[in-house]
N, C-alpha and C. Protein backbone atom coordinates (compact mmCIF):
# COMPACT_ATOMS: atom_id res chain seq x y z
N UNK A 1 23.20 109.92 -36.50
CA UNK A 1 22.92 108.76 -37.35
C UNK A 1 21.33 109.00 -37.47
N UNK A 2 21.01 108.91 -38.80
CA UNK A 2 19.48 109.16 -39.17
C UNK A 2 18.56 107.95 -38.73
N UNK A 3 17.49 108.25 -38.55
CA UNK A 3 16.33 107.25 -38.10
C UNK A 3 16.49 106.05 -39.05
N UNK A 4 16.64 106.26 -40.29
CA UNK A 4 16.57 105.16 -41.39
C UNK A 4 17.80 104.41 -41.49
N UNK A 5 19.00 104.86 -41.15
CA UNK A 5 20.18 104.17 -40.97
C UNK A 5 20.18 103.19 -39.79
N UNK A 6 19.49 103.66 -38.64
CA UNK A 6 19.47 102.94 -37.48
C UNK A 6 18.52 101.79 -37.55
N UNK A 7 17.31 102.11 -38.20
CA UNK A 7 16.47 101.00 -38.40
C UNK A 7 17.00 99.91 -39.37
N UNK A 8 17.81 100.39 -40.29
CA UNK A 8 18.46 99.45 -41.38
C UNK A 8 19.28 98.51 -40.68
N UNK A 9 20.20 99.11 -39.96
CA UNK A 9 21.19 98.45 -39.00
C UNK A 9 20.63 97.40 -38.22
N UNK A 10 19.47 97.86 -37.29
CA UNK A 10 18.63 96.82 -36.39
C UNK A 10 18.29 95.79 -37.46
N UNK A 11 17.69 96.24 -38.53
CA UNK A 11 16.86 94.96 -39.30
C UNK A 11 18.14 93.89 -39.73
N UNK A 12 19.19 94.45 -40.10
CA UNK A 12 20.37 93.82 -40.43
C UNK A 12 20.74 92.78 -39.39
N UNK A 13 20.85 93.25 -38.22
CA UNK A 13 21.20 92.55 -37.05
C UNK A 13 20.38 91.26 -36.82
N UNK A 14 19.08 91.72 -36.74
CA UNK A 14 18.12 90.66 -36.54
C UNK A 14 18.01 89.66 -37.48
N UNK A 15 18.40 89.94 -38.94
CA UNK A 15 18.39 88.93 -39.90
C UNK A 15 19.83 88.03 -39.73
N UNK A 16 20.74 88.67 -39.29
CA UNK A 16 21.85 87.92 -39.04
C UNK A 16 21.73 86.92 -37.82
N UNK A 17 21.12 87.40 -36.78
CA UNK A 17 20.66 86.48 -35.71
C UNK A 17 19.93 85.46 -36.03
N UNK A 18 18.73 85.58 -36.91
CA UNK A 18 17.95 84.71 -37.36
C UNK A 18 18.71 83.39 -38.00
N UNK A 19 19.57 83.95 -39.03
CA UNK A 19 20.54 82.98 -39.80
C UNK A 19 21.34 82.18 -38.97
N UNK A 20 22.04 82.88 -37.94
CA UNK A 20 23.00 82.22 -37.07
C UNK A 20 22.05 81.15 -36.12
N UNK A 21 21.02 81.55 -35.70
CA UNK A 21 20.31 80.52 -34.85
C UNK A 21 19.70 79.34 -35.80
N UNK A 22 19.41 79.66 -37.12
CA UNK A 22 18.96 78.55 -37.91
C UNK A 22 20.25 77.56 -38.17
N UNK A 23 21.41 78.09 -38.36
CA UNK A 23 22.58 77.33 -38.64
C UNK A 23 22.90 76.35 -37.33
N UNK A 24 22.62 76.77 -36.18
CA UNK A 24 23.02 76.06 -35.00
C UNK A 24 22.02 74.89 -34.86
N UNK A 25 20.73 75.17 -35.31
CA UNK A 25 19.69 74.28 -35.16
C UNK A 25 19.81 73.17 -35.97
N UNK A 26 20.48 73.22 -37.32
CA UNK A 26 20.74 72.35 -38.25
C UNK A 26 21.77 71.40 -37.90
N UNK A 27 22.57 71.93 -37.00
CA UNK A 27 23.74 71.20 -36.79
C UNK A 27 23.53 69.85 -35.65
N UNK A 28 22.25 69.87 -35.22
CA UNK A 28 22.05 68.83 -34.10
C UNK A 28 21.17 67.65 -34.86
N UNK A 29 21.65 66.57 -34.25
CA UNK A 29 21.00 65.09 -34.61
C UNK A 29 20.52 64.48 -33.61
N UNK A 30 19.37 64.02 -33.91
CA UNK A 30 18.59 63.04 -32.87
C UNK A 30 19.32 61.65 -33.00
N UNK A 31 20.08 61.26 -31.98
CA UNK A 31 20.64 60.13 -31.88
C UNK A 31 19.82 58.78 -31.36
N UNK A 32 18.67 59.19 -30.49
CA UNK A 32 17.77 58.16 -29.97
C UNK A 32 16.43 58.81 -29.51
N UNK A 33 15.39 58.09 -29.40
CA UNK A 33 14.38 58.53 -28.81
C UNK A 33 13.91 57.55 -27.60
N UNK A 34 13.49 58.37 -26.52
CA UNK A 34 13.49 57.40 -25.43
C UNK A 34 11.93 57.58 -24.58
N UNK A 35 11.48 56.58 -23.95
CA UNK A 35 10.22 56.98 -23.37
C UNK A 35 10.05 57.76 -22.15
N UNK A 36 11.40 57.85 -21.40
CA UNK A 36 11.41 58.76 -20.29
C UNK A 36 12.71 59.51 -20.29
N UNK A 37 12.76 60.47 -19.36
CA UNK A 37 14.06 61.31 -19.20
C UNK A 37 15.03 60.30 -18.58
N UNK A 38 14.60 59.19 -17.60
CA UNK A 38 15.76 58.49 -17.08
C UNK A 38 16.37 57.64 -17.83
N UNK A 39 15.44 57.18 -18.85
CA UNK A 39 15.94 56.12 -19.87
C UNK A 39 16.96 57.00 -21.06
N UNK A 40 16.69 58.10 -21.11
CA UNK A 40 17.52 58.83 -22.16
C UNK A 40 18.89 59.10 -21.10
N UNK A 41 18.75 59.55 -19.96
CA UNK A 41 19.93 59.76 -19.25
C UNK A 41 20.82 58.53 -19.06
N UNK A 42 20.10 57.45 -18.78
CA UNK A 42 20.78 56.18 -18.66
C UNK A 42 21.62 55.79 -19.94
N UNK A 43 21.23 56.03 -21.02
CA UNK A 43 22.02 55.79 -22.50
C UNK A 43 23.10 56.83 -22.55
N UNK A 44 22.70 58.14 -22.23
CA UNK A 44 23.82 59.21 -22.21
C UNK A 44 25.05 58.68 -21.44
N UNK A 45 24.73 58.14 -20.17
CA UNK A 45 25.83 57.92 -19.25
C UNK A 45 26.60 56.72 -19.91
N UNK A 46 25.79 55.71 -20.57
CA UNK A 46 26.49 54.55 -21.09
C UNK A 46 27.40 54.97 -22.27
N UNK A 47 27.07 55.72 -22.95
CA UNK A 47 27.83 56.51 -24.26
C UNK A 47 29.06 57.13 -23.75
N UNK A 48 28.79 57.80 -22.66
CA UNK A 48 29.93 58.54 -21.91
C UNK A 48 31.12 57.67 -21.38
N UNK A 49 30.64 56.60 -20.88
CA UNK A 49 31.41 55.48 -20.19
C UNK A 49 32.28 54.75 -21.20
N UNK A 50 31.61 54.65 -22.50
CA UNK A 50 32.28 53.96 -23.56
C UNK A 50 33.19 54.99 -24.41
N UNK A 51 33.25 56.22 -24.00
CA UNK A 51 34.28 56.99 -24.52
C UNK A 51 33.64 58.01 -25.90
N UNK A 52 32.10 58.02 -25.75
CA UNK A 52 31.57 58.78 -26.75
C UNK A 52 32.29 60.39 -26.78
N UNK A 53 32.67 60.86 -27.91
CA UNK A 53 33.28 62.11 -27.70
C UNK A 53 32.14 63.30 -27.49
N UNK A 54 30.91 63.07 -27.66
CA UNK A 54 29.97 64.04 -27.51
C UNK A 54 30.05 65.21 -28.54
N UNK A 55 29.44 66.48 -28.14
CA UNK A 55 28.58 66.67 -26.93
C UNK A 55 27.04 66.14 -27.12
N UNK A 56 26.68 65.51 -26.20
CA UNK A 56 25.37 64.94 -26.27
C UNK A 56 24.28 65.32 -25.26
N UNK A 57 23.15 65.59 -25.33
CA UNK A 57 22.26 66.00 -24.06
C UNK A 57 20.76 65.44 -24.49
N UNK A 58 20.12 65.24 -23.46
CA UNK A 58 18.71 64.87 -23.55
C UNK A 58 17.72 66.06 -23.54
N UNK A 59 16.80 66.02 -24.33
CA UNK A 59 15.68 67.24 -24.46
C UNK A 59 14.42 66.59 -24.52
N UNK A 60 13.61 67.08 -23.50
CA UNK A 60 12.12 66.73 -23.60
C UNK A 60 11.50 66.91 -24.90
N UNK A 61 10.53 66.01 -25.13
CA UNK A 61 9.86 66.36 -26.48
C UNK A 61 8.49 66.89 -26.08
N UNK A 62 8.05 66.86 -24.82
CA UNK A 62 6.80 67.34 -24.69
C UNK A 62 7.10 68.38 -23.38
N UNK A 63 6.01 68.90 -22.87
CA UNK A 63 6.26 69.92 -21.59
C UNK A 63 6.49 69.10 -20.44
N UNK A 64 6.48 67.80 -20.30
CA UNK A 64 6.70 66.76 -19.18
C UNK A 64 8.09 66.68 -19.29
N UNK A 65 8.91 67.16 -18.33
CA UNK A 65 10.24 66.84 -18.30
C UNK A 65 10.87 65.82 -17.97
N UNK A 66 10.03 64.80 -17.33
CA UNK A 66 10.29 63.41 -17.20
C UNK A 66 9.71 62.41 -18.31
N UNK A 67 9.06 62.89 -19.20
CA UNK A 67 8.29 62.12 -20.15
C UNK A 67 9.33 61.85 -21.30
N UNK A 68 8.96 61.57 -22.37
CA UNK A 68 9.64 61.20 -23.73
C UNK A 68 10.93 62.37 -23.94
N UNK A 69 11.89 61.67 -24.24
CA UNK A 69 13.32 62.57 -24.38
C UNK A 69 13.93 62.11 -25.67
N UNK A 70 14.61 63.01 -26.17
CA UNK A 70 15.45 62.71 -27.31
C UNK A 70 16.76 62.87 -26.91
N UNK A 71 17.68 62.05 -27.36
CA UNK A 71 19.01 61.99 -27.07
C UNK A 71 19.74 62.81 -28.45
N UNK A 72 20.19 63.82 -28.10
CA UNK A 72 20.78 64.88 -29.34
C UNK A 72 22.01 65.03 -29.20
N UNK A 73 22.70 64.98 -30.42
CA UNK A 73 24.30 65.28 -30.65
C UNK A 73 24.39 66.83 -31.15
N UNK A 74 24.94 67.74 -30.39
CA UNK A 74 25.08 68.85 -30.63
C UNK A 74 26.29 69.22 -31.63
């Protein structure tokens, strides 16, 4: 296989991975914003207890894992 074909194949793979990653990010929806990780976790548990089909997760908004969190539907 020539160098040119190898580089072309790698570029196409990289482009495909970028598109796949972008599509995944677009599927996420912010369900709520909470001042602390604990508040987000509490709401997550409440929704689970009431039969929410999920999948849901809490994601920190800043570098502080215990600070503001968003509740996200994946």
